N, C-alpha and C. Protein backbone atom coordinates (compact mmCIF):
# COMPACT_ATOMS: atom_id res chain seq x y z
N UNK A 1 -11.72 5.65 -9.38
CA UNK A 1 -10.69 5.00 -10.12
C UNK A 1 -11.25 3.72 -10.27
N UNK A 2 -10.62 3.04 -11.37
CA UNK A 2 -11.21 1.64 -11.60
C UNK A 2 -9.95 0.68 -11.39
N UNK A 3 -10.90 -0.37 -10.39
CA UNK A 3 -9.54 -1.39 -10.08
C UNK A 3 -8.91 -2.31 -10.66
N UNK A 4 -7.49 -2.41 -10.53
CA UNK A 4 -7.12 -3.47 -12.03
C UNK A 4 -7.08 -4.55 -11.24
N UNK A 5 -7.58 -5.90 -12.16
CA UNK A 5 -7.49 -7.16 -11.53
C UNK A 5 -6.52 -7.74 -12.28
N UNK A 6 -5.41 -8.21 -11.25
CA UNK A 6 -4.19 -9.17 -12.12
C UNK A 6 -4.76 -10.04 -11.99
N UNK A 7 -4.55 -10.84 -12.81
CA UNK A 7 -4.64 -12.37 -13.04
C UNK A 7 -3.46 -13.36 -13.84
N UNK A 8 -2.21 -12.85 -14.23
CA UNK A 8 -1.39 -13.17 -14.24
C UNK A 8 0.11 -12.00 -14.14
N UNK A 9 1.22 -12.36 -13.66
CA UNK A 9 1.70 -11.21 -14.09
C UNK A 9 3.29 -12.38 -15.06
N UNK A 10 3.64 -11.56 -15.83
CA UNK A 10 4.46 -11.88 -16.68
C UNK A 10 6.00 -11.66 -16.46
N UNK A 11 6.77 -12.94 -16.57
CA UNK A 11 8.17 -12.92 -16.29
C UNK A 11 8.75 -13.22 -17.54
N UNK A 12 10.15 -12.77 -17.55
CA UNK A 12 11.22 -13.14 -17.96
C UNK A 12 12.06 -12.94 -17.72
N UNK A 13 13.78 -13.25 -18.08
CA UNK A 13 14.89 -13.21 -17.09
C UNK A 13 15.50 -11.94 -17.04
N UNK A 14 14.94 -11.09 -17.58
CA UNK A 14 15.24 -9.51 -17.64
C UNK A 14 14.96 -9.74 -16.54
N UNK A 15 13.64 -9.15 -16.27
CA UNK A 15 13.00 -8.86 -15.05
C UNK A 15 12.84 -9.55 -13.58
N UNK A 16 13.15 -10.67 -13.81
CA UNK A 16 13.63 -11.27 -13.02
C UNK A 16 14.99 -11.28 -12.00
N UNK A 17 15.86 -10.91 -13.47
CA UNK A 17 17.18 -10.65 -12.60
C UNK A 17 17.20 -8.96 -11.95
N UNK A 18 16.07 -8.00 -12.78
CA UNK A 18 16.11 -6.70 -11.95
C UNK A 18 15.56 -6.89 -10.83
N UNK A 19 14.77 -7.51 -10.80
CA UNK A 19 13.56 -7.16 -9.16
C UNK A 19 14.50 -7.81 -8.14
N UNK A 20 15.94 -8.67 -8.86
CA UNK A 20 16.43 -9.02 -7.81
C UNK A 20 17.92 -8.24 -6.93
N UNK A 21 18.19 -7.36 -8.09
CA UNK A 21 18.69 -6.70 -7.60
C UNK A 21 18.33 -5.25 -6.62
N UNK A 22 17.20 -5.45 -6.56
CA UNK A 22 16.17 -4.08 -5.75
C UNK A 22 15.78 -5.30 -4.42
N UNK A 23 16.00 -6.62 -4.41
CA UNK A 23 16.05 -7.31 -3.06
C UNK A 23 14.60 -7.88 -3.09
N UNK A 24 13.90 -8.22 -4.05
CA UNK A 24 12.32 -8.70 -4.12
C UNK A 24 12.55 -9.73 -4.68
N UNK A 25 11.59 -10.76 -4.15
CA UNK A 25 11.77 -11.81 -4.99
C UNK A 25 10.55 -12.39 -6.22
N UNK A 26 10.54 -13.35 -6.82
CA UNK A 26 9.62 -13.44 -7.72
C UNK A 26 8.28 -13.73 -6.82
N UNK A 27 8.34 -14.49 -6.10
CA UNK A 27 7.69 -14.79 -5.03
C UNK A 27 6.89 -13.62 -4.05
N UNK A 28 7.53 -12.81 -3.70
CA UNK A 28 7.20 -11.47 -2.84
C UNK A 28 6.27 -10.92 -4.01
N UNK A 29 6.69 -10.30 -5.03
CA UNK A 29 6.16 -10.00 -6.30
C UNK A 29 4.46 -10.26 -6.29
N UNK A 30 4.55 -11.50 -6.49
CA UNK A 30 3.64 -12.29 -6.86
C UNK A 30 2.62 -12.23 -5.96
N UNK A 31 2.64 -11.96 -4.34
CA UNK A 31 2.60 -11.84 -3.34
C UNK A 31 1.40 -10.52 -3.66
N UNK A 32 2.47 -9.71 -4.08
CA UNK A 32 1.71 -8.18 -4.21
C UNK A 32 1.24 -8.21 -5.30
N UNK A 33 0.79 -8.73 -6.15
CA UNK A 33 -0.01 -8.75 -7.46
C UNK A 33 -0.94 -9.48 -6.78
N UNK A 34 -1.05 -10.37 -5.85
CA UNK A 34 -2.63 -11.00 -5.93
C UNK A 34 -3.17 -10.01 -4.54
N UNK A 35 -2.79 -9.42 -3.51
CA UNK A 35 -3.89 -8.67 -2.91
C UNK A 35 -2.74 -7.35 -2.16
N UNK A 36 -2.79 -6.36 -3.81
CA UNK A 36 -2.28 -5.42 -3.23
C UNK A 36 -3.43 -4.19 -2.61
N UNK A 37 -2.55 -3.63 -2.04
CA UNK A 37 -3.47 -2.54 -0.97
C UNK A 37 -3.94 -1.14 -1.98
N UNK A 38 -3.00 -0.62 -2.80
CA UNK A 38 -3.65 0.38 -3.91
C UNK A 38 -2.64 0.30 -4.94
N UNK A 39 -3.46 1.17 -6.12
CA UNK A 39 -2.74 1.01 -7.31
C UNK A 39 -3.14 2.22 -7.76
N UNK A 40 -2.05 2.96 -8.29
CA UNK A 40 -1.88 4.27 -9.54
C UNK A 40 -2.01 4.18 -10.74
N UNK A 41 -2.24 4.91 -11.50
CA UNK A 41 -1.49 5.01 -13.05
C UNK A 41 -0.52 5.76 -12.69
N UNK A 42 0.58 5.19 -13.57
CA UNK A 42 2.01 5.97 -13.72
C UNK A 42 1.96 6.25 -14.98
N UNK A 43 3.60 6.71 -15.20
CA UNK A 43 4.02 7.22 -16.60
C UNK A 43 3.81 5.71 -17.63
N UNK A 44 3.88 6.30 -18.68
CA UNK A 44 4.22 5.24 -20.06
C UNK A 44 2.72 4.23 -20.27
N UNK A 45 2.00 4.56 -19.68
CA UNK A 45 0.76 3.24 -19.55
C UNK A 45 1.24 2.61 -18.81
N UNK A 46 1.75 2.87 -17.74
CA UNK A 46 1.99 2.10 -16.18
C UNK A 46 1.41 2.10 -15.37
N UNK A 47 1.60 1.27 -14.27
CA UNK A 47 0.64 0.89 -13.18
C UNK A 47 1.79 0.47 -11.91
N UNK A 48 1.73 1.53 -10.79
CA UNK A 48 2.41 1.49 -9.59
C UNK A 48 1.31 0.76 -8.89
N UNK A 49 1.77 -0.66 -7.99
CA UNK A 49 0.96 -1.35 -7.52
C UNK A 49 1.70 -1.01 -6.06
N UNK A 50 0.75 -1.09 -4.95
CA UNK A 50 1.62 -1.18 -3.63
C UNK A 50 0.80 -1.88 -2.49
N UNK A 51 1.28 -2.95 -1.94
CA UNK A 51 1.25 -3.84 -1.04
C UNK A 51 1.85 -4.66 0.05
N UNK A 52 1.54 -5.25 0.47
CA UNK A 52 2.63 -5.71 1.64
C UNK A 52 2.74 -7.29 1.63
N UNK A 53 4.02 -7.56 2.03
CA UNK A 53 4.48 -9.10 2.45
C UNK A 53 5.06 -9.20 3.83
N UNK A 54 4.33 -9.71 4.61
CA UNK A 54 4.54 -9.51 6.02
C UNK A 54 4.46 -8.28 6.51
N UNK A 55 5.90 -7.47 7.10
CA UNK A 55 5.91 -6.62 7.42
C UNK A 55 6.47 -5.45 6.32
N UNK A 56 6.97 -6.30 5.61
CA UNK A 56 7.40 -5.41 4.41
C UNK A 56 6.55 -4.89 3.15
N UNK A 57 6.59 -3.48 2.90
CA UNK A 57 5.81 -2.93 1.82
C UNK A 57 6.52 -2.43 0.68
N UNK A 58 6.09 -3.56 -0.26
CA UNK A 58 6.60 -3.81 -2.34
C UNK A 58 5.90 -2.82 -2.89
N UNK A 59 6.62 -2.13 -3.73
CA UNK A 59 6.05 -1.41 -5.04
C UNK A 59 6.64 -1.83 -6.35
N UNK A 60 5.37 -2.46 -7.18
CA UNK A 60 5.43 -3.10 -8.39
C UNK A 60 5.35 -2.38 -9.33
N UNK A 61 6.06 -2.03 -10.41
CA UNK A 61 5.71 -0.95 -11.71
C UNK A 61 5.21 -1.86 -12.78
N UNK A 62 3.98 -2.53 -13.41
CA UNK A 62 3.68 -3.10 -14.23
C UNK A 62 3.09 -2.50 -15.44
N UNK A 63 3.18 -3.35 -16.48
CA UNK A 63 2.76 -2.60 -18.07
C UNK A 63 1.44 -3.44 -18.76
N UNK A 64 0.27 -3.09 -18.81
CA UNK A 64 -0.99 -3.92 -19.14
C UNK A 64 -0.12 -4.96 -20.56
N UNK A 65 -0.28 -6.10 -20.58
CA UNK A 65 -0.25 -6.85 -21.66
C UNK A 65 -1.31 -7.32 -22.38
N UNK A 66 -2.61 -7.09 -21.54
CA UNK A 66 -3.54 -7.99 -22.09
C UNK A 66 -4.66 -7.82 -21.14
N UNK A 67 -5.81 -8.69 -20.92
CA UNK A 67 -6.64 -8.57 -20.28
C UNK A 67 -6.10 -9.03 -18.81
N UNK A 68 -5.94 -8.75 -18.02
CA UNK A 68 -5.76 -9.46 -16.38
C UNK A 68 -4.24 -9.70 -16.35
N UNK A 69 -3.49 -9.49 -18.01
CA UNK A 69 -2.15 -9.57 -17.83
C UNK A 69 -1.11 -8.58 -17.56
N UNK A 70 -0.01 -8.46 -17.04
CA UNK A 70 0.71 -7.75 -16.52
C UNK A 70 2.37 -7.57 -16.33
N UNK A 71 3.32 -7.00 -17.33
CA UNK A 71 4.82 -7.78 -17.37
C UNK A 71 5.67 -6.97 -16.28
N UNK A 72 5.95 -7.30 -15.40
CA UNK A 72 6.50 -6.73 -14.37
C UNK A 72 7.85 -6.06 -14.80
N UNK A 73 7.90 -4.88 -14.75
CA UNK A 73 8.76 -3.71 -15.39
C UNK A 73 10.06 -3.43 -13.92
N UNK A 74 9.25 -3.76 -12.95
CA UNK A 74 10.38 -3.17 -12.17
C UNK A 74 9.48 -3.70 -10.20
N UNK A 75 10.29 -3.95 -9.24
CA UNK A 75 9.55 -4.11 -7.78
C UNK A 75 10.41 -3.88 -7.13
N UNK A 76 10.63 -3.43 -5.53
CA UNK A 76 11.41 -2.59 -5.07
C UNK A 76 10.88 -2.31 -3.81
N UNK A 77 11.41 -1.90 -2.54
CA UNK A 77 10.69 -1.60 -1.02
C UNK A 77 9.80 -0.41 -1.12
N UNK A 78 8.67 -0.32 -1.37
CA UNK A 78 8.02 1.04 -0.73
C UNK A 78 9.03 1.96 -0.65
N UNK A 79 8.57 3.70 -0.99
CA UNK A 79 9.36 4.83 -0.72
C UNK A 79 8.34 5.10 0.23
N UNK A 80 9.05 6.10 0.61
CA UNK A 80 8.35 7.09 2.06
C UNK A 80 6.62 7.65 1.54
N UNK A 81 6.38 8.14 0.15
CA UNK A 81 5.29 8.82 0.17
C UNK A 81 4.59 7.46 -0.25
N UNK A 82 4.81 6.24 -0.53
CA UNK A 82 3.95 5.22 -1.28
C UNK A 82 3.36 4.59 -0.15
N UNK A 83 4.54 4.54 1.09
CA UNK A 83 4.21 4.02 2.20
C UNK A 83 3.12 4.52 3.21
N UNK A 84 3.58 5.84 3.12
CA UNK A 84 2.26 6.65 4.04
C UNK A 84 1.18 6.47 3.25
N UNK A 85 1.38 6.65 1.76
CA UNK A 85 -0.38 6.19 1.46
C UNK A 85 -1.14 5.11 1.28
N UNK A 86 -0.24 3.84 1.67
CA UNK A 86 -0.57 2.51 1.90
C UNK A 86 -1.38 2.73 3.37
N UNK A 87 -0.19 3.15 4.36
CA UNK A 87 -1.05 3.54 5.95
C UNK A 87 -2.37 3.93 5.65
N UNK A 88 -2.58 5.27 4.86
CA UNK A 88 -3.70 5.80 4.86
C UNK A 88 -5.43 4.96 4.23
N UNK A 89 -5.08 4.11 3.01
CA UNK A 89 -5.75 3.37 2.43
C UNK A 89 -6.28 1.99 3.80
N UNK A 90 -5.35 2.02 4.57
CA UNK A 90 -5.32 0.54 5.42
C UNK A 90 -6.20 1.05 6.44
N UNK A 91 -6.01 2.40 6.84
CA UNK A 91 -6.81 3.50 7.78
C UNK A 91 -8.08 3.02 7.92
N UNK A 92 -8.41 4.05 6.48
CA UNK A 92 -9.91 3.73 5.93
C UNK A 92 -10.53 2.54 5.63
N UNK A 93 -9.63 1.70 5.20
CA UNK A 93 -10.28 -0.15 5.46
C UNK A 93 -10.98 -0.50 6.62
N UNK A 94 -10.18 0.09 7.66
CA UNK A 94 -10.38 -0.62 9.24
C UNK A 94 -11.04 0.19 9.61
N UNK A 95 -11.76 1.11 9.07
CA UNK A 95 -12.67 2.07 10.15
C UNK A 95 -14.02 2.15 9.52
């Protein structure tokens, strides 16, 4: 799997309001974008990116807009499957 490099997250009023409804701040999403643990391809040419913000595990759904630039489609607390995969990746990295 090719590792994506996020240089910039793209924001507008819609996605800022949308992630707020999920209890995620713009700053938290930026932190995940800068230091995510894993990513995977998702539907419609999007990526699911999962990382930590302190003890919290957050998932971002991103759409590629250009070289290193991604539009934030959504951000929310990671579900059980995503958390499990993150724990597995962290365990691998630490062994």
